[in-house]
Amino acid sequence: MSRPRKKSNLAAARARMYRELVFECAERVFAEEGFDTATMQDLANEAGVSLKTLYATFEGKDDIYREILEVRGKGLAEAIREIVGGEGTALDRMRRGLGRVVTYLVEHRAFFRILLQEGRAWGLDPKSAGAREAWAEGMDAMRAVISDGIREGEMAPCDVDLMAPTVNAVLQVQLAGLLDRAGDDPDAEAMIDTIMETVERLVAAGAADPRAA
């Protein structure tokens, strides 16, 4: 009775291994070549498996791509939640949250390249379901922390619904540029400092409320 179970466990472990291997290799290929250009043969070659094994693991490249967006999107959403969590002032929490997002995207640069290739502007509502949940969480978190900052006097009065996507857009644009310059050895902490310097200039208290003019 034990032998069938051992074989079943071995098959399940092998299936998980192939799935993880294909996921990581496909993420690199999609980042370098783009979804439309990449073929299943390209993915199989990168993973070092046969087409038969690849199709036994995923039905097609749409399924692989969708899983990448869902898995990485969930990870990004978890990082975004840090914006409103924990102690400290609003600016402390914003830095901590944006720092988590930057660190996550630096660690998963291929995923970030995929998002950039799709032209997903973080200041605008993405239409695809895979990105929308993380985007909506980011907007809610950013609006909350900016509202707290205004109440605490750290941040200037502003239209919170406009400022929240503006901060997200700054993060996207500056991180893309910084990663291009960094080569193969990105310094996440230095990137966080640069991005937060710009964000703080945007939200800092002391400027008059333009709506009061």
N, C-alpha and C. Protein backbone atom coordinates (compact mmCIF):
# COMPACT_ATOMS: atom_id res chain seq x y z
N MET A 1 0.82 -1.22 0.00
CA MET A 1 0.00 0.00 0.00
C MET A 1 0.85 1.26 0.00
N SER A 2 2.08 1.17 0.55
CA SER A 2 2.89 2.38 0.66
C SER A 2 3.51 2.79 -0.66
N ARG A 3 3.76 1.82 -1.56
CA ARG A 3 4.45 2.17 -2.80
C ARG A 3 3.66 3.13 -3.68
N PRO A 4 2.39 2.90 -3.91
CA PRO A 4 1.63 3.87 -4.73
C PRO A 4 1.68 5.27 -4.16
N ARG A 5 1.65 5.37 -2.81
CA ARG A 5 1.68 6.68 -2.20
C ARG A 5 3.02 7.36 -2.45
N LYS A 6 4.13 6.60 -2.34
CA LYS A 6 5.45 7.16 -2.60
C LYS A 6 5.57 7.63 -4.03
N LYS A 7 5.07 6.84 -4.96
CA LYS A 7 5.11 7.24 -6.36
C LYS A 7 4.27 8.49 -6.58
N SER A 8 3.12 8.55 -5.92
CA SER A 8 2.25 9.72 -6.05
C SER A 8 2.93 10.96 -5.50
N ASN A 9 3.59 10.81 -4.34
CA ASN A 9 4.29 11.95 -3.75
C ASN A 9 5.43 12.42 -4.65
N LEU A 10 6.16 11.47 -5.22
CA LEU A 10 7.26 11.80 -6.10
C LEU A 10 6.76 12.53 -7.35
N ALA A 11 5.65 12.06 -7.90
CA ALA A 11 5.07 12.70 -9.10
C ALA A 11 4.62 14.12 -8.78
N ALA A 12 4.01 14.29 -7.60
CA ALA A 12 3.55 15.63 -7.21
C ALA A 12 4.73 16.58 -7.01
N ALA A 13 5.80 16.06 -6.39
CA ALA A 13 6.99 16.89 -6.17
C ALA A 13 7.63 17.27 -7.50
N ARG A 14 7.67 16.32 -8.44
CA ARG A 14 8.23 16.60 -9.76
C ARG A 14 7.39 17.64 -10.49
N ALA A 15 6.07 17.52 -10.38
CA ALA A 15 5.17 18.48 -11.04
C ALA A 15 5.38 19.88 -10.49
N ARG A 16 5.54 19.99 -9.15
CA ARG A 16 5.78 21.31 -8.54
C ARG A 16 7.11 21.88 -9.00
N MET A 17 8.12 21.02 -9.09
CA MET A 17 9.44 21.47 -9.51
C MET A 17 9.38 22.03 -10.94
N TYR A 18 8.71 21.29 -11.83
CA TYR A 18 8.59 21.76 -13.21
C TYR A 18 7.81 23.06 -13.28
N ARG A 19 6.77 23.16 -12.47
CA ARG A 19 5.94 24.38 -12.50
C ARG A 19 6.74 25.59 -12.05
N GLU A 20 7.52 25.43 -10.98
CA GLU A 20 8.35 26.54 -10.49
C GLU A 20 9.44 26.90 -11.50
N LEU A 21 10.04 25.89 -12.11
CA LEU A 21 11.08 26.12 -13.10
C LEU A 21 10.53 26.88 -14.30
N VAL A 22 9.40 26.43 -14.82
CA VAL A 22 8.80 27.08 -15.98
C VAL A 22 8.38 28.50 -15.63
N PHE A 23 7.82 28.69 -14.45
CA PHE A 23 7.39 30.03 -14.00
C PHE A 23 8.57 31.00 -14.04
N GLU A 24 9.67 30.63 -13.41
CA GLU A 24 10.83 31.53 -13.33
C GLU A 24 11.45 31.79 -14.71
N CYS A 25 11.56 30.74 -15.51
CA CYS A 25 12.16 30.91 -16.84
C CYS A 25 11.25 31.71 -17.76
N ALA A 26 9.96 31.46 -17.69
CA ALA A 26 9.01 32.19 -18.53
C ALA A 26 8.98 33.67 -18.15
N GLU A 27 9.10 33.96 -16.88
CA GLU A 27 9.12 35.35 -16.42
C GLU A 27 10.29 36.09 -17.07
N ARG A 28 11.45 35.44 -17.12
CA ARG A 28 12.61 36.07 -17.75
C ARG A 28 12.39 36.27 -19.26
N VAL A 29 11.85 35.26 -19.91
CA VAL A 29 11.63 35.35 -21.36
C VAL A 29 10.61 36.44 -21.68
N PHE A 30 9.52 36.48 -20.95
CA PHE A 30 8.50 37.51 -21.20
C PHE A 30 9.08 38.91 -20.96
N ALA A 31 9.94 39.04 -19.95
CA ALA A 31 10.54 40.34 -19.66
C ALA A 31 11.48 40.78 -20.77
N GLU A 32 12.21 39.84 -21.35
CA GLU A 32 13.21 40.18 -22.37
C GLU A 32 12.61 40.30 -23.77
N GLU A 33 11.65 39.44 -24.09
CA GLU A 33 11.14 39.39 -25.45
C GLU A 33 9.73 39.95 -25.60
N GLY A 34 8.97 40.02 -24.50
CA GLY A 34 7.59 40.44 -24.57
C GLY A 34 6.68 39.25 -24.77
N PHE A 35 5.45 39.36 -24.31
CA PHE A 35 4.51 38.24 -24.38
C PHE A 35 4.20 37.85 -25.82
N ASP A 36 3.96 38.83 -26.68
CA ASP A 36 3.55 38.53 -28.06
C ASP A 36 4.66 37.83 -28.84
N THR A 37 5.90 38.21 -28.61
CA THR A 37 7.03 37.64 -29.36
C THR A 37 7.42 36.26 -28.85
N ALA A 38 7.35 36.04 -27.57
CA ALA A 38 7.78 34.77 -26.98
C ALA A 38 6.88 33.63 -27.43
N THR A 39 7.47 32.48 -27.67
CA THR A 39 6.74 31.28 -28.06
C THR A 39 6.89 30.21 -26.98
N MET A 40 6.04 29.21 -27.04
CA MET A 40 6.18 28.10 -26.10
C MET A 40 7.52 27.41 -26.28
N GLN A 41 8.03 27.34 -27.51
CA GLN A 41 9.34 26.75 -27.73
C GLN A 41 10.43 27.55 -27.04
N ASP A 42 10.31 28.91 -27.07
CA ASP A 42 11.26 29.76 -26.36
C ASP A 42 11.25 29.45 -24.87
N LEU A 43 10.06 29.27 -24.33
CA LEU A 43 9.93 29.00 -22.89
C LEU A 43 10.52 27.63 -22.56
N ALA A 44 10.25 26.65 -23.42
CA ALA A 44 10.79 25.31 -23.19
C ALA A 44 12.31 25.32 -23.25
N ASN A 45 12.85 26.06 -24.22
CA ASN A 45 14.31 26.14 -24.36
C ASN A 45 14.94 26.77 -23.12
N GLU A 46 14.34 27.85 -22.64
CA GLU A 46 14.89 28.54 -21.46
C GLU A 46 14.84 27.64 -20.23
N ALA A 47 13.77 26.87 -20.12
CA ALA A 47 13.62 25.99 -18.95
C ALA A 47 14.39 24.69 -19.11
N GLY A 48 14.83 24.38 -20.34
CA GLY A 48 15.55 23.14 -20.56
C GLY A 48 14.67 21.91 -20.50
N VAL A 49 13.40 22.07 -20.92
CA VAL A 49 12.47 20.95 -20.92
C VAL A 49 11.91 20.78 -22.33
N SER A 50 11.28 19.67 -22.58
CA SER A 50 10.66 19.43 -23.87
C SER A 50 9.33 20.16 -23.96
N LEU A 51 8.86 20.36 -25.19
CA LEU A 51 7.54 20.96 -25.36
C LEU A 51 6.46 20.09 -24.72
N LYS A 52 6.64 18.79 -24.80
CA LYS A 52 5.66 17.88 -24.19
C LYS A 52 5.57 18.12 -22.69
N THR A 53 6.73 18.24 -22.04
CA THR A 53 6.74 18.51 -20.60
C THR A 53 6.14 19.87 -20.29
N LEU A 54 6.45 20.86 -21.13
CA LEU A 54 5.92 22.20 -20.91
C LEU A 54 4.40 22.19 -20.99
N TYR A 55 3.85 21.54 -22.01
CA TYR A 55 2.39 21.50 -22.16
C TYR A 55 1.73 20.63 -21.10
N ALA A 56 2.48 19.70 -20.52
CA ALA A 56 1.94 18.92 -19.42
C ALA A 56 1.90 19.74 -18.14
N THR A 57 2.69 20.81 -18.10
CA THR A 57 2.76 21.66 -16.91
C THR A 57 1.79 22.83 -17.00
N PHE A 58 1.71 23.46 -18.17
CA PHE A 58 0.79 24.56 -18.42
C PHE A 58 0.10 24.32 -19.77
N GLU A 59 -1.15 24.73 -19.88
CA GLU A 59 -1.89 24.52 -21.12
C GLU A 59 -1.36 25.38 -22.26
N GLY A 60 -0.85 26.55 -21.94
CA GLY A 60 -0.34 27.45 -22.97
C GLY A 60 0.32 28.66 -22.35
N LYS A 61 0.87 29.54 -23.17
CA LYS A 61 1.61 30.68 -22.60
C LYS A 61 0.68 31.67 -21.93
N ASP A 62 -0.58 31.72 -22.35
CA ASP A 62 -1.55 32.58 -21.66
C ASP A 62 -1.66 32.19 -20.19
N ASP A 63 -1.71 30.88 -19.93
CA ASP A 63 -1.84 30.39 -18.56
C ASP A 63 -0.60 30.71 -17.73
N ILE A 64 0.56 30.57 -18.35
CA ILE A 64 1.81 30.89 -17.65
C ILE A 64 1.85 32.38 -17.31
N TYR A 65 1.52 33.19 -18.30
CA TYR A 65 1.56 34.64 -18.12
C TYR A 65 0.59 35.08 -17.04
N ARG A 66 -0.62 34.50 -17.07
CA ARG A 66 -1.63 34.86 -16.08
C ARG A 66 -1.17 34.49 -14.68
N GLU A 67 -0.52 33.32 -14.55
CA GLU A 67 -0.05 32.92 -13.22
C GLU A 67 1.06 33.85 -12.72
N ILE A 68 1.94 34.28 -13.62
CA ILE A 68 2.98 35.22 -13.22
C ILE A 68 2.36 36.51 -12.67
N LEU A 69 1.39 37.05 -13.40
CA LEU A 69 0.75 38.29 -12.96
C LEU A 69 0.02 38.11 -11.64
N GLU A 70 -0.65 36.97 -11.47
CA GLU A 70 -1.41 36.74 -10.25
C GLU A 70 -0.48 36.55 -9.04
N VAL A 71 0.55 35.71 -9.21
CA VAL A 71 1.45 35.44 -8.09
C VAL A 71 2.24 36.68 -7.70
N ARG A 72 2.85 37.33 -8.70
CA ARG A 72 3.64 38.53 -8.40
C ARG A 72 2.73 39.68 -7.96
N GLY A 73 1.52 39.75 -8.53
CA GLY A 73 0.59 40.80 -8.13
C GLY A 73 0.20 40.67 -6.67
N LYS A 74 0.02 39.44 -6.20
CA LYS A 74 -0.31 39.23 -4.78
C LYS A 74 0.86 39.67 -3.90
N GLY A 75 2.07 39.35 -4.33
CA GLY A 75 3.24 39.77 -3.58
C GLY A 75 3.35 41.28 -3.52
N LEU A 76 3.05 41.93 -4.64
CA LEU A 76 3.09 43.39 -4.68
C LEU A 76 2.01 43.98 -3.79
N ALA A 77 0.83 43.37 -3.79
CA ALA A 77 -0.26 43.86 -2.95
C ALA A 77 0.11 43.76 -1.47
N GLU A 78 0.79 42.69 -1.09
CA GLU A 78 1.23 42.55 0.30
C GLU A 78 2.21 43.65 0.67
N ALA A 79 3.10 43.99 -0.26
CA ALA A 79 4.05 45.08 -0.01
C ALA A 79 3.32 46.41 0.13
N ILE A 80 2.32 46.62 -0.70
CA ILE A 80 1.57 47.87 -0.68
C ILE A 80 0.85 48.07 0.65
N ARG A 81 0.38 46.98 1.26
CA ARG A 81 -0.34 47.10 2.53
C ARG A 81 0.52 47.72 3.63
N GLU A 82 1.84 47.64 3.46
CA GLU A 82 2.75 48.23 4.44
C GLU A 82 2.61 49.75 4.51
N ILE A 83 2.05 50.35 3.47
CA ILE A 83 1.93 51.82 3.44
C ILE A 83 1.07 52.31 4.59
N VAL A 84 0.03 51.55 4.94
CA VAL A 84 -0.86 52.02 6.00
C VAL A 84 -0.63 51.30 7.32
N GLY A 85 0.21 50.28 7.33
CA GLY A 85 0.41 49.50 8.54
C GLY A 85 1.51 50.03 9.42
N GLY A 86 1.47 49.63 10.67
CA GLY A 86 2.55 49.94 11.59
C GLY A 86 2.45 51.30 12.26
N GLU A 87 3.50 51.63 13.00
CA GLU A 87 3.51 52.86 13.79
C GLU A 87 4.29 53.95 13.07
N GLY A 88 4.31 55.13 13.70
CA GLY A 88 5.05 56.25 13.14
C GLY A 88 4.15 57.27 12.47
N THR A 89 4.78 58.35 12.02
CA THR A 89 4.03 59.39 11.34
C THR A 89 3.62 58.92 9.95
N ALA A 90 2.81 59.73 9.29
CA ALA A 90 2.36 59.38 7.94
C ALA A 90 3.55 59.25 6.99
N LEU A 91 4.52 60.18 7.10
CA LEU A 91 5.69 60.09 6.23
C LEU A 91 6.53 58.86 6.55
N ASP A 92 6.61 58.49 7.83
CA ASP A 92 7.32 57.26 8.21
C ASP A 92 6.67 56.06 7.54
N ARG A 93 5.34 56.00 7.61
CA ARG A 93 4.63 54.87 7.05
C ARG A 93 4.69 54.87 5.52
N MET A 94 4.67 56.07 4.93
CA MET A 94 4.77 56.14 3.48
C MET A 94 6.15 55.63 3.03
N ARG A 95 7.18 56.06 3.71
CA ARG A 95 8.52 55.60 3.34
C ARG A 95 8.65 54.09 3.52
N ARG A 96 8.11 53.58 4.63
CA ARG A 96 8.19 52.14 4.87
C ARG A 96 7.44 51.36 3.78
N GLY A 97 6.25 51.86 3.44
CA GLY A 97 5.45 51.19 2.42
C GLY A 97 6.08 51.25 1.04
N LEU A 98 6.49 52.46 0.63
CA LEU A 98 7.13 52.60 -0.68
C LEU A 98 8.44 51.82 -0.72
N GLY A 99 9.13 51.78 0.42
CA GLY A 99 10.36 51.01 0.49
C GLY A 99 10.11 49.53 0.25
N ARG A 100 9.03 49.00 0.82
CA ARG A 100 8.69 47.59 0.59
C ARG A 100 8.37 47.35 -0.87
N VAL A 101 7.64 48.28 -1.49
CA VAL A 101 7.30 48.12 -2.90
C VAL A 101 8.55 48.14 -3.77
N VAL A 102 9.42 49.13 -3.52
CA VAL A 102 10.65 49.23 -4.30
C VAL A 102 11.50 47.98 -4.13
N THR A 103 11.66 47.52 -2.89
CA THR A 103 12.46 46.33 -2.63
C THR A 103 11.89 45.11 -3.35
N TYR A 104 10.57 44.97 -3.31
CA TYR A 104 9.93 43.84 -3.99
C TYR A 104 10.18 43.88 -5.49
N LEU A 105 10.05 45.06 -6.08
CA LEU A 105 10.22 45.18 -7.53
C LEU A 105 11.68 45.06 -7.95
N VAL A 106 12.59 45.50 -7.09
CA VAL A 106 14.02 45.29 -7.39
C VAL A 106 14.34 43.80 -7.35
N GLU A 107 13.76 43.09 -6.39
CA GLU A 107 13.99 41.64 -6.28
C GLU A 107 13.34 40.89 -7.44
N HIS A 108 12.29 41.47 -8.00
CA HIS A 108 11.57 40.82 -9.10
C HIS A 108 11.58 41.75 -10.32
N ARG A 109 12.78 42.04 -10.78
CA ARG A 109 12.93 43.00 -11.88
C ARG A 109 12.26 42.52 -13.15
N ALA A 110 12.28 41.23 -13.39
CA ALA A 110 11.64 40.71 -14.60
C ALA A 110 10.14 41.02 -14.59
N PHE A 111 9.51 40.85 -13.44
CA PHE A 111 8.09 41.17 -13.31
C PHE A 111 7.85 42.66 -13.55
N PHE A 112 8.72 43.51 -13.01
CA PHE A 112 8.58 44.95 -13.21
C PHE A 112 8.71 45.30 -14.70
N ARG A 113 9.65 44.63 -15.40
CA ARG A 113 9.81 44.88 -16.84
C ARG A 113 8.55 44.47 -17.60
N ILE A 114 7.92 43.38 -17.17
CA ILE A 114 6.68 42.94 -17.81
C ILE A 114 5.60 44.01 -17.66
N LEU A 115 5.48 44.56 -16.47
CA LEU A 115 4.49 45.62 -16.25
C LEU A 115 4.78 46.83 -17.12
N LEU A 116 6.05 47.20 -17.24
CA LEU A 116 6.41 48.35 -18.06
C LEU A 116 6.14 48.08 -19.53
N GLN A 117 6.42 46.87 -19.99
CA GLN A 117 6.17 46.52 -21.39
C GLN A 117 4.70 46.64 -21.74
N GLU A 118 3.85 46.34 -20.78
CA GLU A 118 2.41 46.41 -21.03
C GLU A 118 1.90 47.85 -21.01
N GLY A 119 2.78 48.78 -20.67
CA GLY A 119 2.36 50.18 -20.63
C GLY A 119 1.38 50.46 -19.52
N ARG A 120 1.52 49.75 -18.42
CA ARG A 120 0.60 49.96 -17.31
C ARG A 120 1.02 51.18 -16.51
N ALA A 121 0.32 52.27 -16.72
CA ALA A 121 0.61 53.50 -15.98
C ALA A 121 -0.01 53.39 -14.60
N TRP A 122 0.81 53.46 -13.57
CA TRP A 122 0.30 53.26 -12.21
C TRP A 122 -0.56 54.41 -11.72
N GLY A 123 -0.52 55.53 -12.43
CA GLY A 123 -1.40 56.63 -12.06
C GLY A 123 -2.81 56.45 -12.58
N LEU A 124 -3.02 55.43 -13.44
CA LEU A 124 -4.33 55.19 -14.05
C LEU A 124 -4.83 53.81 -13.67
N ASP A 125 -6.14 53.64 -13.73
CA ASP A 125 -6.76 52.37 -13.36
C ASP A 125 -6.50 51.32 -14.44
N PRO A 126 -5.73 50.27 -14.13
CA PRO A 126 -5.50 49.23 -15.14
C PRO A 126 -6.77 48.42 -15.36
N LYS A 127 -6.96 47.94 -16.58
CA LYS A 127 -8.19 47.23 -16.90
C LYS A 127 -8.09 45.73 -16.64
N SER A 128 -6.90 45.18 -16.63
CA SER A 128 -6.77 43.74 -16.45
C SER A 128 -6.95 43.36 -14.99
N ALA A 129 -7.64 42.24 -14.76
CA ALA A 129 -7.95 41.81 -13.40
C ALA A 129 -6.70 41.51 -12.60
N GLY A 130 -5.66 40.99 -13.25
CA GLY A 130 -4.44 40.64 -12.54
C GLY A 130 -3.77 41.81 -11.87
N ALA A 131 -3.87 43.00 -12.46
CA ALA A 131 -3.20 44.17 -11.92
C ALA A 131 -4.14 45.05 -11.09
N ARG A 132 -5.42 44.90 -11.32
CA ARG A 132 -6.36 45.85 -10.73
C ARG A 132 -6.44 45.77 -9.22
N GLU A 133 -6.37 44.56 -8.67
CA GLU A 133 -6.47 44.41 -7.22
C GLU A 133 -5.32 45.11 -6.51
N ALA A 134 -4.08 44.88 -7.00
CA ALA A 134 -2.93 45.53 -6.38
C ALA A 134 -3.02 47.04 -6.54
N TRP A 135 -3.46 47.50 -7.73
CA TRP A 135 -3.58 48.93 -7.98
C TRP A 135 -4.60 49.56 -7.03
N ALA A 136 -5.77 48.91 -6.88
CA ALA A 136 -6.82 49.44 -6.01
C ALA A 136 -6.35 49.49 -4.56
N GLU A 137 -5.65 48.46 -4.11
CA GLU A 137 -5.12 48.46 -2.75
C GLU A 137 -4.11 49.58 -2.57
N GLY A 138 -3.27 49.78 -3.59
CA GLY A 138 -2.29 50.85 -3.51
C GLY A 138 -2.94 52.21 -3.42
N MET A 139 -3.99 52.42 -4.21
CA MET A 139 -4.68 53.71 -4.17
C MET A 139 -5.34 53.94 -2.81
N ASP A 140 -6.01 52.92 -2.29
CA ASP A 140 -6.65 53.06 -0.97
C ASP A 140 -5.62 53.37 0.11
N ALA A 141 -4.50 52.63 0.07
CA ALA A 141 -3.46 52.84 1.07
C ALA A 141 -2.85 54.23 0.96
N MET A 142 -2.58 54.65 -0.27
CA MET A 142 -1.95 55.96 -0.46
C MET A 142 -2.89 57.09 -0.07
N ARG A 143 -4.16 56.98 -0.43
CA ARG A 143 -5.12 58.01 -0.02
C ARG A 143 -5.20 58.10 1.50
N ALA A 144 -5.19 56.94 2.16
CA ALA A 144 -5.29 56.94 3.62
C ALA A 144 -4.09 57.60 4.27
N VAL A 145 -2.89 57.27 3.80
CA VAL A 145 -1.69 57.81 4.45
C VAL A 145 -1.54 59.30 4.15
N ILE A 146 -1.94 59.74 2.95
CA ILE A 146 -1.88 61.18 2.64
C ILE A 146 -2.89 61.94 3.48
N SER A 147 -4.09 61.37 3.64
CA SER A 147 -5.09 62.02 4.49
C SER A 147 -4.60 62.14 5.93
N ASP A 148 -3.94 61.08 6.41
CA ASP A 148 -3.36 61.14 7.77
C ASP A 148 -2.29 62.22 7.84
N GLY A 149 -1.46 62.30 6.81
CA GLY A 149 -0.40 63.30 6.80
C GLY A 149 -0.93 64.72 6.81
N ILE A 150 -2.01 64.95 6.12
CA ILE A 150 -2.62 66.28 6.12
C ILE A 150 -3.16 66.60 7.51
N ARG A 151 -3.84 65.64 8.13
CA ARG A 151 -4.37 65.86 9.48
C ARG A 151 -3.26 66.09 10.49
N GLU A 152 -2.14 65.39 10.32
CA GLU A 152 -1.00 65.53 11.24
C GLU A 152 -0.18 66.78 10.98
N GLY A 153 -0.43 67.46 9.86
CA GLY A 153 0.30 68.67 9.52
C GLY A 153 1.62 68.43 8.82
N GLU A 154 1.92 67.17 8.50
CA GLU A 154 3.16 66.84 7.79
C GLU A 154 3.05 67.10 6.30
N MET A 155 1.84 66.98 5.78
CA MET A 155 1.63 67.09 4.35
C MET A 155 0.70 68.25 4.05
N ALA A 156 0.93 68.87 2.90
CA ALA A 156 0.15 70.04 2.51
C ALA A 156 -1.26 69.61 2.10
N PRO A 157 -2.26 70.45 2.39
CA PRO A 157 -3.61 70.16 1.90
C PRO A 157 -3.60 69.99 0.38
N CYS A 158 -4.31 69.00 -0.10
CA CYS A 158 -4.32 68.73 -1.53
C CYS A 158 -5.55 67.91 -1.87
N ASP A 159 -5.74 67.70 -3.16
CA ASP A 159 -6.78 66.80 -3.62
C ASP A 159 -6.21 65.38 -3.49
N VAL A 160 -6.63 64.68 -2.46
CA VAL A 160 -6.06 63.36 -2.15
C VAL A 160 -6.28 62.38 -3.29
N ASP A 161 -7.42 62.45 -3.96
CA ASP A 161 -7.70 61.52 -5.05
C ASP A 161 -6.78 61.74 -6.25
N LEU A 162 -6.22 62.93 -6.38
CA LEU A 162 -5.25 63.19 -7.44
C LEU A 162 -3.82 62.92 -6.98
N MET A 163 -3.54 63.24 -5.73
CA MET A 163 -2.17 63.07 -5.24
C MET A 163 -1.78 61.60 -5.11
N ALA A 164 -2.71 60.75 -4.71
CA ALA A 164 -2.38 59.33 -4.53
C ALA A 164 -1.86 58.68 -5.81
N PRO A 165 -2.56 58.81 -6.95
CA PRO A 165 -2.00 58.22 -8.18
C PRO A 165 -0.75 58.94 -8.67
N THR A 166 -0.61 60.22 -8.32
CA THR A 166 0.60 60.96 -8.70
C THR A 166 1.83 60.35 -8.02
N VAL A 167 1.70 60.04 -6.73
CA VAL A 167 2.82 59.42 -6.01
C VAL A 167 3.15 58.07 -6.62
N ASN A 168 2.13 57.28 -6.96
CA ASN A 168 2.37 55.98 -7.59
C ASN A 168 3.09 56.12 -8.93
N ALA A 169 2.69 57.13 -9.70
CA ALA A 169 3.31 57.36 -11.00
C ALA A 169 4.78 57.76 -10.84
N VAL A 170 5.07 58.59 -9.84
CA VAL A 170 6.46 58.99 -9.56
C VAL A 170 7.29 57.75 -9.23
N LEU A 171 6.75 56.88 -8.40
CA LEU A 171 7.45 55.65 -8.05
C LEU A 171 7.77 54.83 -9.30
N GLN A 172 6.81 54.64 -10.16
CA GLN A 172 7.00 53.82 -11.36
C GLN A 172 8.07 54.42 -12.29
N VAL A 173 7.93 55.71 -12.57
CA VAL A 173 8.84 56.35 -13.53
C VAL A 173 10.26 56.40 -12.99
N GLN A 174 10.41 56.81 -11.73
CA GLN A 174 11.76 56.94 -11.18
C GLN A 174 12.42 55.58 -10.98
N LEU A 175 11.67 54.59 -10.55
CA LEU A 175 12.26 53.27 -10.36
C LEU A 175 12.72 52.69 -11.70
N ALA A 176 11.93 52.89 -12.74
CA ALA A 176 12.34 52.40 -14.07
C ALA A 176 13.65 53.04 -14.50
N GLY A 177 13.77 54.35 -14.31
CA GLY A 177 15.00 55.04 -14.68
C GLY A 177 16.19 54.62 -13.84
N LEU A 178 15.96 54.47 -12.54
CA LEU A 178 17.05 54.08 -11.63
C LEU A 178 17.54 52.66 -11.93
N LEU A 179 16.63 51.76 -12.24
CA LEU A 179 17.02 50.40 -12.57
C LEU A 179 17.81 50.34 -13.87
N ASP A 180 17.43 51.18 -14.83
CA ASP A 180 18.19 51.23 -16.09
C ASP A 180 19.64 51.64 -15.84
N ARG A 181 19.85 52.56 -14.91
CA ARG A 181 21.19 53.04 -14.61
C ARG A 181 21.99 52.04 -13.77
N ALA A 182 21.28 51.22 -13.00
CA ALA A 182 21.93 50.40 -11.97
C ALA A 182 22.70 49.21 -12.54
N GLY A 183 22.34 48.76 -13.71
CA GLY A 183 22.99 47.57 -14.24
C GLY A 183 22.59 46.33 -13.46
N ASP A 184 23.56 45.46 -13.19
CA ASP A 184 23.26 44.19 -12.54
C ASP A 184 23.35 44.24 -11.02
N ASP A 185 23.64 45.41 -10.46
CA ASP A 185 23.82 45.50 -9.01
C ASP A 185 23.03 46.68 -8.43
N PRO A 186 21.70 46.60 -8.45
CA PRO A 186 20.88 47.71 -7.96
C PRO A 186 20.95 47.86 -6.45
N ASP A 187 20.98 49.11 -5.99
CA ASP A 187 21.00 49.42 -4.56
C ASP A 187 19.60 49.90 -4.18
N ALA A 188 18.80 48.99 -3.64
CA ALA A 188 17.40 49.32 -3.34
C ALA A 188 17.28 50.48 -2.37
N GLU A 189 18.14 50.51 -1.34
CA GLU A 189 18.05 51.57 -0.34
C GLU A 189 18.31 52.94 -0.95
N ALA A 190 19.30 53.04 -1.84
CA ALA A 190 19.59 54.31 -2.49
C ALA A 190 18.43 54.72 -3.38
N MET A 191 17.80 53.77 -4.03
CA MET A 191 16.64 54.08 -4.87
C MET A 191 15.47 54.58 -4.04
N ILE A 192 15.26 53.95 -2.89
CA ILE A 192 14.19 54.40 -1.99
C ILE A 192 14.44 55.84 -1.55
N ASP A 193 15.68 56.17 -1.20
CA ASP A 193 16.03 57.53 -0.79
C ASP A 193 15.71 58.54 -1.90
N THR A 194 16.10 58.21 -3.13
CA THR A 194 15.88 59.12 -4.26
C THR A 194 14.39 59.32 -4.50
N ILE A 195 13.63 58.23 -4.51
CA ILE A 195 12.19 58.33 -4.78
C ILE A 195 11.48 59.08 -3.66
N MET A 196 11.84 58.79 -2.40
CA MET A 196 11.19 59.48 -1.29
C MET A 196 11.52 60.95 -1.26
N GLU A 197 12.70 61.33 -1.70
CA GLU A 197 13.06 62.75 -1.77
C GLU A 197 12.11 63.49 -2.70
N THR A 198 11.82 62.88 -3.84
CA THR A 198 10.87 63.49 -4.78
C THR A 198 9.46 63.51 -4.20
N VAL A 199 9.05 62.40 -3.61
CA VAL A 199 7.69 62.31 -3.05
C VAL A 199 7.50 63.33 -1.94
N GLU A 200 8.49 63.47 -1.08
CA GLU A 200 8.36 64.43 0.02
C GLU A 200 8.25 65.86 -0.50
N ARG A 201 8.94 66.17 -1.61
CA ARG A 201 8.78 67.50 -2.19
C ARG A 201 7.35 67.71 -2.70
N LEU A 202 6.73 66.63 -3.16
CA LEU A 202 5.36 66.73 -3.67
C LEU A 202 4.35 66.97 -2.55
N VAL A 203 4.53 66.27 -1.44
CA VAL A 203 3.49 66.26 -0.41
C VAL A 203 3.82 67.13 0.80
N ALA A 204 5.02 67.70 0.86
CA ALA A 204 5.46 68.38 2.08
C ALA A 204 4.54 69.53 2.47
N ALA A 205 4.33 69.66 3.78
CA ALA A 205 3.55 70.78 4.31
C ALA A 205 4.33 72.07 4.15
N GLY A 206 3.60 73.16 4.14
CA GLY A 206 4.24 74.48 4.02
C GLY A 206 3.78 75.21 2.78
N ALA A 207 3.41 74.47 1.73
CA ALA A 207 2.88 75.11 0.53
C ALA A 207 1.42 75.46 0.75
N ALA A 208 1.03 76.55 0.18
CA ALA A 208 -0.37 76.97 0.31
C ALA A 208 -1.26 76.00 -0.44
N ASP A 209 -2.47 75.85 0.05
CA ASP A 209 -3.46 75.00 -0.63
C ASP A 209 -3.88 75.71 -1.93
N PRO A 210 -3.61 75.12 -3.11
CA PRO A 210 -3.94 75.79 -4.34
C PRO A 210 -5.43 76.01 -4.51
N ARG A 211 -6.24 75.24 -3.82
CA ARG A 211 -7.69 75.41 -3.95
C ARG A 211 -8.18 76.65 -3.22
N ALA A 212 -7.30 77.18 -2.33
CA ALA A 212 -7.71 78.35 -1.56
C ALA A 212 -7.45 79.64 -2.33
N ALA A 213 -6.73 79.56 -3.46
CA ALA A 213 -6.40 80.75 -4.22
C ALA A 213 -7.62 81.32 -4.91
